[in-house]
Protein backbone atom coordinates (compact mmCIF):
# COMPACT_ATOMS: atom_id res chain seq x y z
CA MET A 1 21.60 -1.68 -21.39
CA THR A 2 19.76 -0.37 -18.33
CA THR A 3 21.87 1.15 -15.57
CA TYR A 4 21.02 1.82 -11.98
CA ALA A 5 21.80 4.90 -9.96
CA THR A 6 24.10 3.03 -7.66
CA PRO A 7 25.72 5.42 -5.19
CA ASN A 8 29.54 5.41 -5.26
CA CYS A 9 29.78 6.05 -1.57
CA THR A 10 29.43 2.95 0.58
CA SER A 11 27.49 4.86 3.27
CA ALA A 12 25.09 6.24 0.62
CA ALA A 13 24.50 2.72 -0.73
CA ARG A 14 23.88 1.50 2.82
CA ILE A 15 21.32 4.21 3.34
CA THR A 16 19.54 3.34 0.08
CA ARG A 17 19.35 -0.33 1.04
CA SER A 18 18.01 0.61 4.46
CA LEU A 19 15.28 2.72 2.87
CA LEU A 20 14.35 -0.14 0.55
CA GLY A 21 14.08 -2.37 3.60
CA TYR A 22 11.14 -0.30 4.82
CA GLY A 23 9.25 -1.45 1.73
CA VAL A 24 9.66 -5.03 2.89
CA LEU A 25 8.50 -4.26 6.45
CA ALA A 26 5.56 -1.96 5.62
CA GLY A 27 3.20 -4.66 4.30
CA PRO A 28 3.58 -7.30 7.01
CA ILE A 29 3.14 -4.67 9.74
CA TYR A 30 0.09 -3.11 8.13
CA VAL A 31 -1.60 -6.40 7.25
CA GLY A 32 -0.70 -8.06 10.55
CA VAL A 33 -2.05 -5.22 12.70
CA SER A 34 -5.19 -4.86 10.57
CA LEU A 35 -5.91 -8.56 10.49
CA ALA A 36 -5.38 -8.95 14.22
CA GLN A 37 -7.95 -6.23 14.87
CA ALA A 38 -10.38 -7.60 12.26
CA LEU A 39 -10.37 -10.95 14.00
CA THR A 40 -10.68 -9.68 17.55
CA ARG A 41 -12.63 -6.46 17.67
CA ASP A 42 -16.24 -6.85 18.66
CA GLY A 43 -18.73 -6.43 15.83
CA PHE A 44 -16.19 -6.41 13.01
CA GLU A 45 -16.88 -8.80 10.13
CA LEU A 46 -14.02 -9.48 7.75
CA SER A 47 -16.38 -10.32 4.88
CA LYS A 48 -18.40 -7.13 5.35
CA HIS A 49 -16.33 -4.31 6.79
CA SER A 50 -13.34 -2.53 5.24
CA TRP A 51 -10.22 -2.19 7.35
CA SER A 52 -10.67 1.57 7.28
CA LEU A 53 -13.57 1.24 9.69
CA LEU A 54 -11.16 -0.04 12.36
CA ALA A 55 -10.13 3.59 12.87
CA ASN A 56 -13.38 4.12 14.78
CA GLY A 57 -14.25 3.29 18.41
CA ASP A 58 -12.18 3.27 21.57
CA LEU A 59 -9.41 1.29 19.89
CA GLY A 60 -9.52 3.32 16.68
CA TRP A 61 -6.17 4.89 17.48
CA ILE A 62 -4.48 1.54 16.69
CA GLN A 63 -5.62 1.56 13.05
CA ILE A 64 -4.96 5.30 12.73
CA THR A 65 -1.40 4.70 13.90
CA ASN A 66 -1.17 1.71 11.59
CA PHE A 67 -2.16 3.81 8.59
CA VAL A 68 0.39 6.53 9.46
CA ILE A 69 3.25 4.08 10.07
CA ALA A 70 2.46 2.17 6.84
CA GLY A 71 2.42 5.46 4.94
CA ILE A 72 5.69 6.72 6.37
CA THR A 73 7.50 3.42 5.73
CA THR A 74 6.08 3.31 2.18
CA MET A 75 7.36 6.83 1.52
CA ALA A 76 10.76 5.83 2.91
CA ALA A 77 10.78 2.89 0.47
CA ALA A 78 9.87 5.27 -2.35
CA VAL A 79 12.87 7.45 -1.48
CA GLY A 80 15.01 4.28 -1.64
CA LEU A 81 13.57 3.47 -5.07
CA ARG A 82 14.28 6.99 -6.27
CA ARG A 83 17.89 6.68 -5.17
CA ALA A 84 18.24 3.26 -6.84
CA LEU A 85 16.43 4.13 -10.12
CA ASN A 86 17.37 6.41 -12.94
CA GLN A 87 13.65 6.89 -13.68
CA GLN A 88 11.68 8.63 -10.96
CA LEU A 89 8.02 8.31 -11.99
CA ALA A 90 7.44 5.00 -10.25
CA SER A 91 9.00 6.20 -6.98
CA ARG A 92 6.87 9.33 -7.03
CA LEU A 93 3.70 7.29 -7.56
CA ILE A 94 4.62 4.99 -4.67
CA ALA A 95 5.41 8.00 -2.50
CA ALA A 96 1.96 9.40 -3.36
CA TYR A 97 0.41 6.12 -2.23
CA GLY A 98 2.35 6.31 1.04
CA ALA A 99 1.16 9.89 1.55
CA SER A 100 -2.42 8.74 0.91
CA LEU A 101 -2.10 6.16 3.74
CA VAL A 102 -1.00 8.93 6.12
CA GLY A 103 -3.94 11.05 4.93
CA ALA A 104 -6.34 8.11 5.38
CA GLY A 105 -5.20 7.84 8.96
CA ILE A 106 -5.57 11.54 9.66
CA PHE A 107 -8.99 11.81 7.97
CA ARG A 108 -10.60 8.65 9.28
CA ALA A 109 -13.50 6.81 7.67
CA ASP A 110 -16.97 7.28 9.16
CA PRO A 111 -18.58 4.57 11.30
CA ALA A 112 -20.85 2.48 9.04
CA GLN A 113 -22.51 -0.87 8.45
CA GLY A 114 -23.04 -1.56 12.14
CA PHE A 115 -19.40 -0.97 13.16
CA PRO A 116 -18.49 -0.06 15.83
CA SER A 117 -21.23 -2.04 17.53
CA GLY A 118 -24.44 -0.06 17.77
CA THR A 119 -23.75 2.01 14.64
CA PRO A 120 -26.66 2.15 12.17
CA GLU A 121 -26.14 0.44 8.82
CA THR A 122 -26.37 3.79 7.02
CA MET A 123 -24.73 6.96 8.26
CA PRO A 124 -24.29 10.42 6.74
CA ILE A 125 -20.83 11.04 5.31
CA SER A 126 -18.79 13.60 7.19
CA TRP A 127 -16.19 15.97 5.75
CA HIS A 128 -13.36 13.79 7.07
CA GLY A 129 -15.05 10.65 5.75
CA SER A 130 -15.32 12.23 2.33
CA LEU A 131 -11.64 13.20 2.43
CA HIS A 132 -10.77 9.65 3.48
CA LEU A 133 -12.47 8.28 0.40
CA VAL A 134 -10.97 10.82 -1.98
CA ILE A 135 -7.43 10.51 -0.59
CA GLY A 136 -7.64 6.72 -0.58
CA GLY A 137 -8.93 6.66 -4.16
CA VAL A 138 -6.10 8.87 -5.38
CA GLY A 139 -3.56 6.72 -3.59
CA PHE A 140 -4.96 3.52 -5.11
CA VAL A 141 -4.80 5.01 -8.61
CA CYS A 142 -1.16 6.04 -8.04
CA LEU A 143 -0.32 2.55 -6.81
CA ILE A 144 -1.95 0.88 -9.81
CA ALA A 145 -0.08 3.25 -12.12
CA ALA A 146 3.20 2.41 -10.39
CA CYS A 147 2.58 -1.29 -11.06
CA PHE A 148 2.28 -0.63 -14.78
CA VAL A 149 5.20 1.79 -14.92
CA LEU A 150 7.53 -0.73 -13.29
CA ALA A 151 6.09 -3.53 -15.44
CA ASN A 152 7.20 -1.59 -18.47
CA ARG A 153 10.66 -1.05 -17.01
CA PHE A 154 11.11 -4.68 -16.07
CA SER A 155 9.92 -5.75 -19.51
CA ARG A 156 12.50 -3.54 -21.22
CA GLU A 157 15.19 -5.04 -18.94
CA GLY A 158 14.15 -8.56 -19.85
CA ARG A 159 12.94 -9.37 -16.34
CA ARG A 160 9.80 -11.15 -17.44
CA LYS A 161 8.77 -12.58 -14.09
CA LEU A 162 8.88 -9.20 -12.40
CA ALA A 163 7.12 -7.61 -15.35
CA TRP A 164 4.29 -10.11 -15.26
CA PHE A 165 4.03 -9.92 -11.47
CA SER A 166 3.67 -6.13 -11.78
CA ILE A 167 1.06 -6.39 -14.52
CA VAL A 168 -1.00 -8.99 -12.67
CA THR A 169 -0.82 -7.00 -9.45
CA GLY A 170 -1.98 -3.84 -11.15
CA ILE A 171 -4.86 -5.57 -12.87
CA VAL A 172 -5.97 -7.50 -9.77
CA PHE A 173 -5.85 -4.42 -7.57
CA LEU A 174 -7.70 -2.32 -10.15
CA ALA A 175 -10.46 -4.93 -10.34
CA ALA A 176 -10.68 -5.25 -6.56
CA PHE A 177 -10.78 -1.47 -6.13
CA ALA A 178 -13.55 -1.17 -8.69
CA GLY A 179 -15.47 -3.90 -6.89
CA ILE A 180 -15.18 -2.33 -3.46
CA ALA A 181 -16.00 1.11 -4.86
CA SER A 182 -19.29 -0.32 -6.22
CA GLY A 183 -20.48 -0.75 -2.64
CA SER A 184 -20.92 -4.53 -2.73
CA HIS A 185 -19.84 -6.73 0.16
CA GLY A 186 -19.15 -10.38 0.90
CA PRO A 187 -16.84 -11.89 -1.74
CA THR A 188 -15.97 -8.42 -3.03
CA THR A 189 -14.70 -7.31 0.38
CA LEU A 190 -12.67 -10.45 0.83
CA ALA A 191 -11.28 -10.09 -2.72
CA PHE A 192 -10.14 -6.57 -1.85
CA VAL A 193 -8.40 -7.88 1.26
CA ALA A 194 -6.59 -10.45 -0.92
CA ALA A 195 -5.64 -7.70 -3.38
CA VAL A 196 -4.21 -5.54 -0.58
CA VAL A 197 -2.06 -8.46 0.59
CA LEU A 198 -0.92 -9.03 -3.04
CA VAL A 199 0.07 -5.41 -3.57
CA TRP A 200 2.12 -5.33 -0.39
CA ALA A 201 3.85 -8.52 -1.50
CA TRP A 202 4.58 -6.85 -4.82
CA LEU A 203 6.10 -3.78 -3.18
CA ALA A 204 8.27 -6.01 -0.99
CA THR A 205 9.41 -8.00 -4.01
CA VAL A 206 10.32 -4.85 -5.93
CA CYS A 207 12.29 -3.44 -2.99
CA ILE A 208 14.10 -6.77 -2.49
CA HIS A 209 15.01 -6.83 -6.18
CA PHE A 210 16.62 -3.40 -6.07
CA TYR A 211 18.19 -4.12 -2.69
CA ARG A 212 19.93 -7.14 -4.19
CA THR A 213 20.92 -5.18 -7.25
CA LEU A 214 22.67 -2.60 -5.11
CA ALA A 215 24.26 -5.24 -2.91
CA ASP A 216 25.62 -7.06 -5.97
CA ALA A 217 27.00 -3.83 -7.39
CA ALA A 218 28.75 -3.04 -4.12
CA ALA A 219 30.27 -6.56 -3.89
């Protein structure tokens, strides 16, 4: 029978649940802020440009801040998962993804594909643009791995719906990441946006699951 690292102290349990709550908030904030910019910023095309490009231009600070906040809240959720789980690999992988979001904000993507307005379609890659790609890629791999690690855990616990949700999320995000890494646009870009929304929904679902588990144990 699987056991959870439920803190005996009520205050400790409350802190753990609060940390898990950040995993529920991170996705809606990140997606909402990114989508609002994608739909309103001049020259940005949702079917062509990645959300990373929003870090450029006079309003680029908004997306940079969005990356950093999403990363910090994701790392907070990872700490909550570590406190709630006996097994730490998944929490470390999710923490690494959160750290990659912070890094992606610090080392912004280069202007490209005509955005911001007036930018040539092709631009040389800068050192910070290269770091953005590398850090983002490492974070995505960690996130995909976390999906499969937790899928295995949920399967062993007999939680088939959570296991399948984790497997599907990992596969979909892996496929979308491969597609966007190939450099294609149009449907591929939109598919990646959908995969990003899916993976945030998955993280929120996982955090809600362990939040409820701790709440039930404290009842």
